[in-house]
Amino acid sequence: VLPASIYRLVPAGHRGAAKAYHAFRYVSVEPFLHGDYKKLNGNNGYIVDAASELDRHQEGIAQAFTHWTYAHSLQETGSACMVCDIQGVGYQYTDVNIHSEDRQFGKTDLGEQGFEAFFSTHRCNDLCARLGLPTVSPEAQGPGPSRSTATSAIQIIRTRHLNQRKRQRDIETREMQAAVKHGRK
């Protein structure tokens, strides 16, 4: 974890009247990272194309960490959050992004769309298995359903969060299967 500081900038000429001046700017400052800066995953499903063994190891850790944050937040709070947009030098990460169910983290928080984007490209790796994370890779889900697919054949990945939402909204499994089949939320 990088130490970070927040500075408040006061416009030139307003030093004496700083208390009366309300248009302060704030900046986040952290140490310069020396080395090969890499973006390992993005908030839109991007995953780095890892060329070397070290790159694959770093990418695998980043993907497993993002997957773990999603599974852990659901398990601990019942509300999904996901840390993504992991980038930095080596294992020093900076400027991450968070997706949340209620989109509480600003413009880059894509909510459910961000969860779906990550899981559309994520391939569970050895670390995901060692952490006991549920497998949700695209290969495990198979191709998306077509109009000719029987509604009852559409598999819904069950989580505590999903079951809670079904109860809150009084939705039957068959209704969810039909929504997936026809591309509705």
N, C-alpha and C. Protein backbone atom coordinates (compact mmCIF):
# COMPACT_ATOMS: atom_id res chain seq x y z
N VAL A 1 0.85 -1.17 0.00
CA VAL A 1 0.00 0.00 0.00
C VAL A 1 0.89 1.23 0.00
N LEU A 2 0.60 2.15 -0.88
CA LEU A 2 1.38 3.38 -0.95
C LEU A 2 0.83 4.41 0.02
N PRO A 3 1.73 5.07 0.75
CA PRO A 3 1.25 6.17 1.60
C PRO A 3 0.82 7.33 0.70
N ALA A 4 -0.26 7.97 1.05
CA ALA A 4 -0.76 9.09 0.25
C ALA A 4 -1.08 10.25 1.17
N SER A 5 -0.99 11.45 0.63
CA SER A 5 -1.32 12.66 1.39
C SER A 5 -2.31 13.48 0.57
N ILE A 6 -3.10 14.26 1.25
CA ILE A 6 -4.03 15.18 0.61
C ILE A 6 -3.57 16.60 0.95
N TYR A 7 -3.40 17.43 -0.08
CA TYR A 7 -3.00 18.81 0.11
C TYR A 7 -4.13 19.73 -0.32
N ARG A 8 -4.32 20.81 0.41
CA ARG A 8 -5.28 21.83 0.03
C ARG A 8 -4.49 22.99 -0.56
N LEU A 9 -4.81 23.34 -1.80
CA LEU A 9 -4.13 24.42 -2.49
C LEU A 9 -4.93 25.71 -2.33
N VAL A 10 -4.25 26.75 -1.94
CA VAL A 10 -4.88 28.06 -1.79
C VAL A 10 -4.41 28.92 -2.96
N PRO A 11 -5.31 29.54 -3.70
CA PRO A 11 -4.92 30.37 -4.84
C PRO A 11 -3.98 31.49 -4.41
N ALA A 12 -3.01 31.83 -5.27
CA ALA A 12 -2.07 32.91 -4.99
C ALA A 12 -2.83 34.20 -4.70
N GLY A 13 -2.34 34.96 -3.75
CA GLY A 13 -3.00 36.22 -3.40
C GLY A 13 -4.11 36.06 -2.38
N HIS A 14 -4.45 34.86 -1.98
CA HIS A 14 -5.53 34.62 -1.02
C HIS A 14 -5.01 34.05 0.30
N ARG A 15 -3.73 34.17 0.55
CA ARG A 15 -3.15 33.56 1.75
C ARG A 15 -3.74 34.15 3.03
N GLY A 16 -3.85 35.45 3.10
CA GLY A 16 -4.38 36.08 4.32
C GLY A 16 -5.88 35.86 4.48
N ALA A 17 -6.58 35.76 3.36
CA ALA A 17 -8.04 35.61 3.41
C ALA A 17 -8.46 34.17 3.14
N ALA A 18 -7.59 33.22 3.43
CA ALA A 18 -7.86 31.82 3.10
C ALA A 18 -9.12 31.30 3.76
N LYS A 19 -9.42 31.75 4.97
CA LYS A 19 -10.61 31.25 5.67
C LYS A 19 -11.90 31.71 4.98
N ALA A 20 -11.86 32.87 4.35
CA ALA A 20 -13.05 33.38 3.68
C ALA A 20 -13.18 32.85 2.25
N TYR A 21 -12.10 32.31 1.73
CA TYR A 21 -12.12 31.83 0.35
C TYR A 21 -12.58 30.37 0.32
N HIS A 22 -13.62 30.06 -0.44
CA HIS A 22 -14.22 28.73 -0.42
C HIS A 22 -13.88 27.86 -1.62
N ALA A 23 -13.13 28.35 -2.58
CA ALA A 23 -12.85 27.58 -3.79
C ALA A 23 -11.47 26.92 -3.71
N PHE A 24 -11.23 26.18 -2.65
CA PHE A 24 -9.96 25.47 -2.51
C PHE A 24 -9.92 24.32 -3.49
N ARG A 25 -8.72 23.94 -3.89
CA ARG A 25 -8.51 22.73 -4.68
C ARG A 25 -7.76 21.76 -3.81
N TYR A 26 -8.11 20.50 -3.92
CA TYR A 26 -7.45 19.45 -3.17
C TYR A 26 -6.76 18.51 -4.15
N VAL A 27 -5.57 18.06 -3.80
CA VAL A 27 -4.85 17.11 -4.63
C VAL A 27 -4.35 15.96 -3.76
N SER A 28 -4.31 14.79 -4.36
CA SER A 28 -3.76 13.61 -3.70
C SER A 28 -2.33 13.43 -4.20
N VAL A 29 -1.41 13.21 -3.27
CA VAL A 29 -0.01 13.08 -3.61
C VAL A 29 0.52 11.78 -3.02
N GLU A 30 1.28 11.05 -3.84
CA GLU A 30 1.89 9.81 -3.36
C GLU A 30 3.30 9.72 -3.92
N PRO A 31 4.14 8.86 -3.35
CA PRO A 31 5.52 8.75 -3.84
C PRO A 31 5.57 8.30 -5.30
N PHE A 32 6.62 8.73 -6.00
CA PHE A 32 6.84 8.31 -7.38
C PHE A 32 7.21 6.83 -7.38
N LEU A 33 6.63 6.08 -8.28
CA LEU A 33 6.94 4.66 -8.39
C LEU A 33 8.02 4.47 -9.46
N HIS A 34 9.15 3.94 -9.06
CA HIS A 34 10.25 3.69 -9.98
C HIS A 34 10.11 2.30 -10.57
N GLY A 35 10.22 2.18 -11.87
CA GLY A 35 10.16 0.87 -12.50
C GLY A 35 9.18 0.84 -13.65
N ASP A 36 8.83 -0.36 -14.07
CA ASP A 36 7.95 -0.58 -15.22
C ASP A 36 6.49 -0.52 -14.77
N TYR A 37 5.83 0.61 -15.05
CA TYR A 37 4.44 0.84 -14.64
C TYR A 37 3.52 0.04 -15.56
N LYS A 38 2.61 -0.74 -14.95
CA LYS A 38 1.69 -1.57 -15.74
C LYS A 38 0.27 -1.43 -15.22
N LYS A 39 -0.65 -1.43 -16.16
CA LYS A 39 -2.08 -1.50 -15.83
C LYS A 39 -2.45 -2.97 -15.97
N LEU A 40 -2.84 -3.61 -14.84
CA LEU A 40 -3.10 -5.05 -14.84
C LEU A 40 -4.55 -5.39 -15.14
N ASN A 41 -5.49 -4.55 -14.69
CA ASN A 41 -6.89 -4.71 -15.09
C ASN A 41 -7.56 -3.34 -15.03
N GLY A 42 -8.68 -3.22 -15.72
CA GLY A 42 -9.37 -1.94 -15.78
C GLY A 42 -10.76 -2.04 -15.20
N ASN A 43 -11.45 -0.91 -15.13
CA ASN A 43 -12.80 -0.93 -14.59
C ASN A 43 -13.83 -1.31 -15.65
N ASN A 44 -13.36 -1.59 -16.87
CA ASN A 44 -14.25 -1.95 -17.97
C ASN A 44 -14.05 -3.37 -18.48
N GLY A 45 -13.37 -4.22 -17.68
CA GLY A 45 -13.12 -5.59 -18.09
C GLY A 45 -11.76 -5.81 -18.71
N TYR A 46 -10.98 -4.75 -18.91
CA TYR A 46 -9.64 -4.87 -19.50
C TYR A 46 -8.76 -5.74 -18.62
N ILE A 47 -7.99 -6.64 -19.27
CA ILE A 47 -6.97 -7.44 -18.59
C ILE A 47 -5.71 -7.35 -19.43
N VAL A 48 -4.58 -7.10 -18.78
CA VAL A 48 -3.31 -6.97 -19.48
C VAL A 48 -2.98 -8.27 -20.22
N ASP A 49 -2.35 -8.12 -21.37
CA ASP A 49 -1.85 -9.28 -22.11
C ASP A 49 -0.47 -9.58 -21.57
N ALA A 50 -0.39 -10.51 -20.63
CA ALA A 50 0.85 -10.80 -19.91
C ALA A 50 1.82 -11.57 -20.78
N ALA A 51 2.99 -10.97 -21.04
CA ALA A 51 3.98 -11.59 -21.93
C ALA A 51 4.96 -12.50 -21.18
N SER A 52 5.49 -12.03 -20.07
CA SER A 52 6.51 -12.80 -19.35
C SER A 52 5.89 -13.57 -18.20
N GLU A 53 6.68 -14.47 -17.63
CA GLU A 53 6.23 -15.26 -16.47
C GLU A 53 5.91 -14.33 -15.29
N LEU A 54 6.78 -13.32 -15.08
CA LEU A 54 6.54 -12.36 -13.99
C LEU A 54 5.25 -11.59 -14.24
N ASP A 55 5.03 -11.16 -15.49
CA ASP A 55 3.79 -10.44 -15.83
C ASP A 55 2.57 -11.31 -15.56
N ARG A 56 2.65 -12.61 -15.94
CA ARG A 56 1.52 -13.51 -15.70
C ARG A 56 1.25 -13.69 -14.21
N HIS A 57 2.31 -13.74 -13.43
CA HIS A 57 2.16 -13.87 -11.98
C HIS A 57 1.49 -12.62 -11.40
N GLN A 58 1.98 -11.44 -11.79
CA GLN A 58 1.39 -10.18 -11.31
C GLN A 58 -0.06 -10.05 -11.77
N GLU A 59 -0.34 -10.40 -13.03
CA GLU A 59 -1.70 -10.32 -13.56
C GLU A 59 -2.61 -11.29 -12.81
N GLY A 60 -2.11 -12.49 -12.52
CA GLY A 60 -2.90 -13.48 -11.79
C GLY A 60 -3.27 -13.00 -10.39
N ILE A 61 -2.33 -12.35 -9.73
CA ILE A 61 -2.61 -11.82 -8.39
C ILE A 61 -3.65 -10.71 -8.47
N ALA A 62 -3.51 -9.83 -9.44
CA ALA A 62 -4.47 -8.72 -9.58
C ALA A 62 -5.88 -9.25 -9.87
N GLN A 63 -5.98 -10.25 -10.76
CA GLN A 63 -7.30 -10.79 -11.10
C GLN A 63 -7.92 -11.50 -9.91
N ALA A 64 -7.12 -12.29 -9.19
CA ALA A 64 -7.63 -12.99 -8.01
C ALA A 64 -8.04 -12.00 -6.93
N PHE A 65 -7.27 -10.91 -6.78
CA PHE A 65 -7.61 -9.91 -5.77
C PHE A 65 -8.95 -9.25 -6.10
N THR A 66 -9.14 -8.87 -7.36
CA THR A 66 -10.42 -8.26 -7.76
C THR A 66 -11.56 -9.24 -7.51
N HIS A 67 -11.40 -10.50 -7.89
CA HIS A 67 -12.42 -11.52 -7.67
C HIS A 67 -12.68 -11.68 -6.17
N TRP A 68 -11.60 -11.70 -5.36
CA TRP A 68 -11.73 -11.87 -3.91
C TRP A 68 -12.51 -10.71 -3.29
N THR A 69 -12.23 -9.47 -3.73
CA THR A 69 -12.95 -8.33 -3.14
C THR A 69 -14.44 -8.43 -3.38
N TYR A 70 -14.82 -8.91 -4.56
CA TYR A 70 -16.24 -9.09 -4.87
C TYR A 70 -16.86 -10.16 -3.97
N ALA A 71 -16.24 -11.34 -3.94
CA ALA A 71 -16.78 -12.44 -3.14
C ALA A 71 -16.77 -12.10 -1.65
N HIS A 72 -15.70 -11.47 -1.17
CA HIS A 72 -15.58 -11.15 0.25
C HIS A 72 -16.61 -10.10 0.67
N SER A 73 -16.83 -9.08 -0.16
CA SER A 73 -17.81 -8.04 0.20
C SER A 73 -19.22 -8.62 0.26
N LEU A 74 -19.54 -9.53 -0.67
CA LEU A 74 -20.85 -10.17 -0.64
C LEU A 74 -21.00 -11.02 0.62
N GLN A 75 -19.95 -11.77 0.95
CA GLN A 75 -20.02 -12.66 2.10
C GLN A 75 -20.11 -11.88 3.41
N GLU A 76 -19.33 -10.81 3.53
CA GLU A 76 -19.27 -10.07 4.79
C GLU A 76 -20.42 -9.09 4.98
N THR A 77 -20.86 -8.45 3.91
CA THR A 77 -21.86 -7.38 4.05
C THR A 77 -23.17 -7.67 3.33
N GLY A 78 -23.16 -8.63 2.40
CA GLY A 78 -24.35 -8.90 1.60
C GLY A 78 -24.53 -7.89 0.49
N SER A 79 -23.59 -6.95 0.35
CA SER A 79 -23.65 -5.93 -0.69
C SER A 79 -22.35 -6.00 -1.49
N ALA A 80 -22.45 -6.05 -2.80
CA ALA A 80 -21.27 -6.26 -3.64
C ALA A 80 -20.45 -4.99 -3.82
N CYS A 81 -19.14 -5.14 -3.69
CA CYS A 81 -18.14 -4.13 -4.05
C CYS A 81 -17.00 -4.86 -4.72
N MET A 82 -16.26 -4.15 -5.56
CA MET A 82 -15.16 -4.78 -6.29
C MET A 82 -14.06 -3.75 -6.50
N VAL A 83 -12.83 -4.08 -6.09
CA VAL A 83 -11.67 -3.23 -6.35
C VAL A 83 -11.08 -3.66 -7.68
N CYS A 84 -10.96 -2.71 -8.59
CA CYS A 84 -10.41 -3.03 -9.91
C CYS A 84 -9.60 -1.84 -10.41
N ASP A 85 -9.26 -1.84 -11.67
CA ASP A 85 -8.41 -0.82 -12.26
C ASP A 85 -7.06 -0.82 -11.55
N ILE A 86 -6.52 -2.03 -11.37
CA ILE A 86 -5.28 -2.21 -10.62
C ILE A 86 -4.10 -1.94 -11.53
N GLN A 87 -3.23 -1.03 -11.06
CA GLN A 87 -2.08 -0.61 -11.84
C GLN A 87 -0.98 -0.16 -10.91
N GLY A 88 0.24 -0.21 -11.40
CA GLY A 88 1.36 0.23 -10.59
C GLY A 88 2.65 -0.40 -11.05
N VAL A 89 3.61 -0.45 -10.13
CA VAL A 89 4.93 -1.01 -10.39
C VAL A 89 5.13 -2.19 -9.46
N GLY A 90 5.41 -3.35 -10.03
CA GLY A 90 5.57 -4.55 -9.20
C GLY A 90 4.28 -4.83 -8.45
N TYR A 91 4.37 -4.87 -7.13
CA TYR A 91 3.19 -5.12 -6.31
C TYR A 91 2.77 -3.87 -5.54
N GLN A 92 3.22 -2.71 -6.00
CA GLN A 92 2.78 -1.44 -5.43
C GLN A 92 1.71 -0.88 -6.36
N TYR A 93 0.48 -0.88 -5.90
CA TYR A 93 -0.65 -0.47 -6.73
C TYR A 93 -1.10 0.94 -6.36
N THR A 94 -1.61 1.63 -7.36
CA THR A 94 -2.08 3.00 -7.17
C THR A 94 -3.30 3.25 -8.05
N ASP A 95 -4.05 4.26 -7.70
CA ASP A 95 -5.15 4.75 -8.53
C ASP A 95 -6.17 3.66 -8.88
N VAL A 96 -6.55 2.87 -7.89
CA VAL A 96 -7.55 1.81 -8.13
C VAL A 96 -8.94 2.43 -8.22
N ASN A 97 -9.88 1.62 -8.64
CA ASN A 97 -11.27 2.03 -8.77
C ASN A 97 -12.14 1.03 -8.02
N ILE A 98 -13.28 1.46 -7.56
CA ILE A 98 -14.20 0.56 -6.86
C ILE A 98 -15.56 0.60 -7.55
N HIS A 99 -16.09 -0.59 -7.83
CA HIS A 99 -17.47 -0.72 -8.30
C HIS A 99 -18.30 -1.12 -7.09
N SER A 100 -19.49 -0.57 -6.97
CA SER A 100 -20.38 -0.94 -5.86
C SER A 100 -21.80 -1.07 -6.38
N GLU A 101 -22.57 -1.84 -5.64
CA GLU A 101 -23.96 -2.08 -6.03
C GLU A 101 -24.74 -0.79 -6.20
N ASP A 102 -24.52 0.16 -5.28
CA ASP A 102 -25.29 1.41 -5.30
C ASP A 102 -24.52 2.57 -5.94
N ARG A 103 -23.41 2.27 -6.61
CA ARG A 103 -22.61 3.25 -7.36
C ARG A 103 -22.27 4.47 -6.50
N GLN A 104 -21.74 4.21 -5.32
CA GLN A 104 -21.43 5.27 -4.37
C GLN A 104 -20.05 5.89 -4.52
N PHE A 105 -19.24 5.41 -5.48
CA PHE A 105 -17.86 5.88 -5.58
C PHE A 105 -17.59 6.75 -6.81
N GLY A 106 -18.57 7.48 -7.27
CA GLY A 106 -18.36 8.44 -8.34
C GLY A 106 -18.55 7.92 -9.75
N LYS A 107 -18.08 8.72 -10.72
CA LYS A 107 -18.32 8.45 -12.13
C LYS A 107 -17.71 7.15 -12.63
N THR A 108 -16.57 6.75 -12.07
CA THR A 108 -15.92 5.54 -12.56
C THR A 108 -16.47 4.27 -11.92
N ASP A 109 -17.37 4.41 -10.95
CA ASP A 109 -18.03 3.27 -10.31
C ASP A 109 -19.16 2.84 -11.25
N LEU A 110 -18.94 1.75 -11.96
CA LEU A 110 -19.91 1.29 -12.96
C LEU A 110 -20.96 0.34 -12.40
N GLY A 111 -20.90 0.06 -11.09
CA GLY A 111 -21.91 -0.79 -10.47
C GLY A 111 -21.97 -2.17 -11.09
N GLU A 112 -23.19 -2.66 -11.29
CA GLU A 112 -23.39 -4.01 -11.84
C GLU A 112 -22.76 -4.16 -13.22
N GLN A 113 -22.77 -3.11 -14.00
CA GLN A 113 -22.15 -3.16 -15.33
C GLN A 113 -20.64 -3.43 -15.19
N GLY A 114 -20.02 -2.85 -14.17
CA GLY A 114 -18.60 -3.09 -13.91
C GLY A 114 -18.34 -4.52 -13.46
N PHE A 115 -19.23 -5.06 -12.59
CA PHE A 115 -19.09 -6.46 -12.17
C PHE A 115 -19.14 -7.37 -13.39
N GLU A 116 -20.14 -7.13 -14.25
CA GLU A 116 -20.32 -7.96 -15.44
C GLU A 116 -19.12 -7.84 -16.38
N ALA A 117 -18.59 -6.63 -16.53
CA ALA A 117 -17.43 -6.42 -17.41
C ALA A 117 -16.23 -7.22 -16.91
N PHE A 118 -15.98 -7.19 -15.60
CA PHE A 118 -14.85 -7.94 -15.06
C PHE A 118 -15.05 -9.43 -15.27
N PHE A 119 -16.21 -9.95 -14.90
CA PHE A 119 -16.42 -11.38 -14.99
C PHE A 119 -16.57 -11.87 -16.43
N SER A 120 -16.79 -10.96 -17.39
CA SER A 120 -16.84 -11.39 -18.78
C SER A 120 -15.45 -11.72 -19.32
N THR A 121 -14.40 -11.19 -18.70
CA THR A 121 -13.03 -11.46 -19.16
C THR A 121 -12.21 -12.25 -18.15
N HIS A 122 -12.66 -12.34 -16.92
CA HIS A 122 -11.90 -13.02 -15.86
C HIS A 122 -11.84 -14.52 -16.09
N ARG A 123 -10.65 -15.06 -15.94
CA ARG A 123 -10.45 -16.51 -15.95
C ARG A 123 -9.92 -16.88 -14.59
N CYS A 124 -10.67 -17.67 -13.83
CA CYS A 124 -10.19 -18.07 -12.51
C CYS A 124 -8.84 -18.75 -12.65
N ASN A 125 -7.95 -18.46 -11.72
CA ASN A 125 -6.61 -19.03 -11.75
C ASN A 125 -6.36 -19.82 -10.47
N ASP A 126 -5.14 -20.30 -10.32
CA ASP A 126 -4.77 -21.12 -9.17
C ASP A 126 -5.00 -20.38 -7.85
N LEU A 127 -4.72 -19.10 -7.83
CA LEU A 127 -4.92 -18.32 -6.61
C LEU A 127 -6.40 -18.20 -6.26
N CYS A 128 -7.26 -18.04 -7.27
CA CYS A 128 -8.72 -18.02 -7.02
C CYS A 128 -9.13 -19.32 -6.33
N ALA A 129 -8.60 -20.44 -6.83
CA ALA A 129 -8.94 -21.74 -6.25
C ALA A 129 -8.42 -21.85 -4.82
N ARG A 130 -7.17 -21.42 -4.59
CA ARG A 130 -6.60 -21.49 -3.24
C ARG A 130 -7.33 -20.59 -2.25
N LEU A 131 -7.93 -19.50 -2.74
CA LEU A 131 -8.71 -18.62 -1.89
C LEU A 131 -10.14 -19.12 -1.69
N GLY A 132 -10.50 -20.21 -2.38
CA GLY A 132 -11.83 -20.78 -2.24
C GLY A 132 -12.91 -19.95 -2.90
N LEU A 133 -12.55 -19.23 -3.95
CA LEU A 133 -13.52 -18.36 -4.63
C LEU A 133 -14.40 -19.17 -5.57
N PRO A 134 -15.67 -18.81 -5.70
CA PRO A 134 -16.54 -19.52 -6.64
C PRO A 134 -16.08 -19.28 -8.08
N THR A 135 -16.10 -20.32 -8.89
CA THR A 135 -15.69 -20.21 -10.28
C THR A 135 -16.77 -19.50 -11.07
N VAL A 136 -16.41 -18.43 -11.74
CA VAL A 136 -17.39 -17.66 -12.52
C VAL A 136 -16.83 -17.26 -13.88
N SER A 137 -15.83 -17.99 -14.36
CA SER A 137 -15.20 -17.64 -15.63
C SER A 137 -16.17 -17.83 -16.79
N PRO A 138 -15.95 -17.12 -17.90
CA PRO A 138 -16.82 -17.27 -19.07
C PRO A 138 -16.92 -18.71 -19.56
N GLU A 139 -15.80 -19.48 -19.48
CA GLU A 139 -15.87 -20.87 -19.93
C GLU A 139 -16.85 -21.67 -19.08
N ALA A 140 -16.89 -21.39 -17.79
CA ALA A 140 -17.78 -22.13 -16.89
C ALA A 140 -19.24 -21.77 -17.17
N GLN A 141 -19.46 -20.53 -17.61
CA GLN A 141 -20.82 -20.10 -17.87
C GLN A 141 -21.30 -20.55 -19.24
N GLY A 142 -20.35 -20.79 -20.15
CA GLY A 142 -20.72 -21.21 -21.49
C GLY A 142 -21.23 -20.04 -22.30
N PRO A 143 -21.61 -20.28 -23.54
CA PRO A 143 -22.13 -19.18 -24.37
C PRO A 143 -23.47 -18.69 -23.84
N GLY A 144 -23.78 -17.46 -24.16
CA GLY A 144 -25.04 -16.89 -23.71
C GLY A 144 -26.23 -17.61 -24.31
N PRO A 145 -27.39 -17.51 -23.71
CA PRO A 145 -28.57 -18.21 -24.21
C PRO A 145 -29.10 -17.57 -25.49
N SER A 146 -29.76 -18.39 -26.28
CA SER A 146 -30.40 -17.87 -27.49
C SER A 146 -31.91 -17.95 -27.28
N ARG A 147 -32.67 -17.39 -28.20
CA ARG A 147 -34.13 -17.41 -28.09
C ARG A 147 -34.68 -18.83 -28.10
N SER A 148 -33.93 -19.76 -28.73
CA SER A 148 -34.42 -21.13 -28.79
C SER A 148 -34.06 -21.94 -27.53
N THR A 149 -33.25 -21.37 -26.65
CA THR A 149 -32.89 -22.06 -25.41
C THR A 149 -34.11 -22.11 -24.50
N ALA A 150 -34.34 -23.26 -23.93
CA ALA A 150 -35.47 -23.39 -22.99
C ALA A 150 -35.16 -22.55 -21.75
N THR A 151 -36.14 -21.79 -21.31
CA THR A 151 -35.95 -20.93 -20.14
C THR A 151 -35.45 -21.73 -18.95
N SER A 152 -35.98 -22.92 -18.74
CA SER A 152 -35.59 -23.73 -17.59
C SER A 152 -34.15 -24.22 -17.69
N ALA A 153 -33.53 -24.14 -18.90
CA ALA A 153 -32.16 -24.61 -19.08
C ALA A 153 -31.13 -23.54 -18.73
N ILE A 154 -31.57 -22.33 -18.49
CA ILE A 154 -30.65 -21.24 -18.18
C ILE A 154 -30.27 -21.33 -16.72
N GLN A 155 -28.96 -21.46 -16.49
CA GLN A 155 -28.47 -21.63 -15.12
C GLN A 155 -28.17 -20.26 -14.52
N ILE A 156 -28.69 -20.00 -13.34
CA ILE A 156 -28.44 -18.78 -12.60
C ILE A 156 -27.42 -19.10 -11.52
N ILE A 157 -26.31 -18.35 -11.49
CA ILE A 157 -25.30 -18.57 -10.45
C ILE A 157 -25.86 -18.03 -9.15
N ARG A 158 -26.01 -18.90 -8.18
CA ARG A 158 -26.65 -18.52 -6.92
C ARG A 158 -25.61 -18.02 -5.92
N THR A 159 -25.90 -16.85 -5.35
CA THR A 159 -25.08 -16.29 -4.28
C THR A 159 -26.04 -15.86 -3.17
N ARG A 160 -25.49 -15.60 -2.02
CA ARG A 160 -26.31 -15.11 -0.92
C ARG A 160 -26.98 -13.78 -1.32
N HIS A 161 -26.21 -12.96 -2.03
CA HIS A 161 -26.74 -11.67 -2.48
C HIS A 161 -27.93 -11.87 -3.42
N LEU A 162 -27.79 -12.78 -4.37
CA LEU A 162 -28.88 -13.04 -5.31
C LEU A 162 -30.12 -13.52 -4.57
N ASN A 163 -29.95 -14.46 -3.66
CA ASN A 163 -31.09 -14.97 -2.90
C ASN A 163 -31.76 -13.87 -2.09
N GLN A 164 -30.95 -12.98 -1.51
CA GLN A 164 -31.51 -11.86 -0.73
C GLN A 164 -32.33 -10.94 -1.63
N ARG A 165 -31.77 -10.61 -2.81
CA ARG A 165 -32.49 -9.73 -3.74
C ARG A 165 -33.78 -10.39 -4.24
N LYS A 166 -33.74 -11.68 -4.50
CA LYS A 166 -34.95 -12.38 -4.95
C LYS A 166 -36.04 -12.26 -3.89
N ARG A 167 -35.67 -12.46 -2.63
CA ARG A 167 -36.67 -12.35 -1.55
C ARG A 167 -37.18 -10.92 -1.42
N GLN A 168 -36.27 -9.93 -1.49
CA GLN A 168 -36.69 -8.53 -1.36
C GLN A 168 -37.65 -8.12 -2.47
N ARG A 169 -37.41 -8.60 -3.66
CA ARG A 169 -38.20 -8.17 -4.82
C ARG A 169 -39.27 -9.18 -5.20
N ASP A 170 -39.38 -10.26 -4.42
CA ASP A 170 -40.38 -11.30 -4.66
C ASP A 170 -40.34 -11.78 -6.12
N ILE A 171 -39.14 -12.22 -6.54
CA ILE A 171 -38.93 -12.68 -7.90
C ILE A 171 -38.70 -14.19 -7.88
N GLU A 172 -39.33 -14.88 -8.76
CA GLU A 172 -39.16 -16.33 -8.87
C GLU A 172 -37.96 -16.63 -9.77
N THR A 173 -37.36 -17.79 -9.59
CA THR A 173 -36.21 -18.21 -10.39
C THR A 173 -36.56 -18.21 -11.87
N ARG A 174 -37.73 -18.71 -12.23
CA ARG A 174 -38.13 -18.76 -13.63
C ARG A 174 -38.18 -17.36 -14.25
N GLU A 175 -38.62 -16.36 -13.48
CA GLU A 175 -38.65 -14.99 -13.98
C GLU A 175 -37.22 -14.50 -14.26
N MET A 176 -36.30 -14.86 -13.38
CA MET A 176 -34.90 -14.47 -13.58
C MET A 176 -34.33 -15.15 -14.81
N GLN A 177 -34.63 -16.42 -14.98
CA GLN A 177 -34.14 -17.15 -16.15
C GLN A 177 -34.67 -16.50 -17.43
N ALA A 178 -35.93 -16.12 -17.44
CA ALA A 178 -36.52 -15.46 -18.62
C ALA A 178 -35.84 -14.11 -18.87
N ALA A 179 -35.54 -13.38 -17.81
CA ALA A 179 -34.86 -12.08 -17.95
C ALA A 179 -33.48 -12.26 -18.59
N VAL A 180 -32.74 -13.27 -18.13
CA VAL A 180 -31.42 -13.54 -18.71
C VAL A 180 -31.58 -13.91 -20.18
N LYS A 181 -32.54 -14.76 -20.48
CA LYS A 181 -32.75 -15.21 -21.85
C LYS A 181 -33.03 -14.05 -22.79
N HIS A 182 -33.79 -13.08 -22.32
CA HIS A 182 -34.21 -11.97 -23.18
C HIS A 182 -33.40 -10.70 -22.97
N GLY A 183 -32.31 -10.81 -22.18
CA GLY A 183 -31.40 -9.69 -22.02
C GLY A 183 -31.93 -8.56 -21.16
N ARG A 184 -32.80 -8.87 -20.22
CA ARG A 184 -33.35 -7.84 -19.33
C ARG A 184 -32.73 -7.98 -17.96
N LYS A 185 -32.76 -6.89 -17.20
CA LYS A 185 -32.28 -6.94 -15.81
C LYS A 185 -33.34 -7.55 -14.95
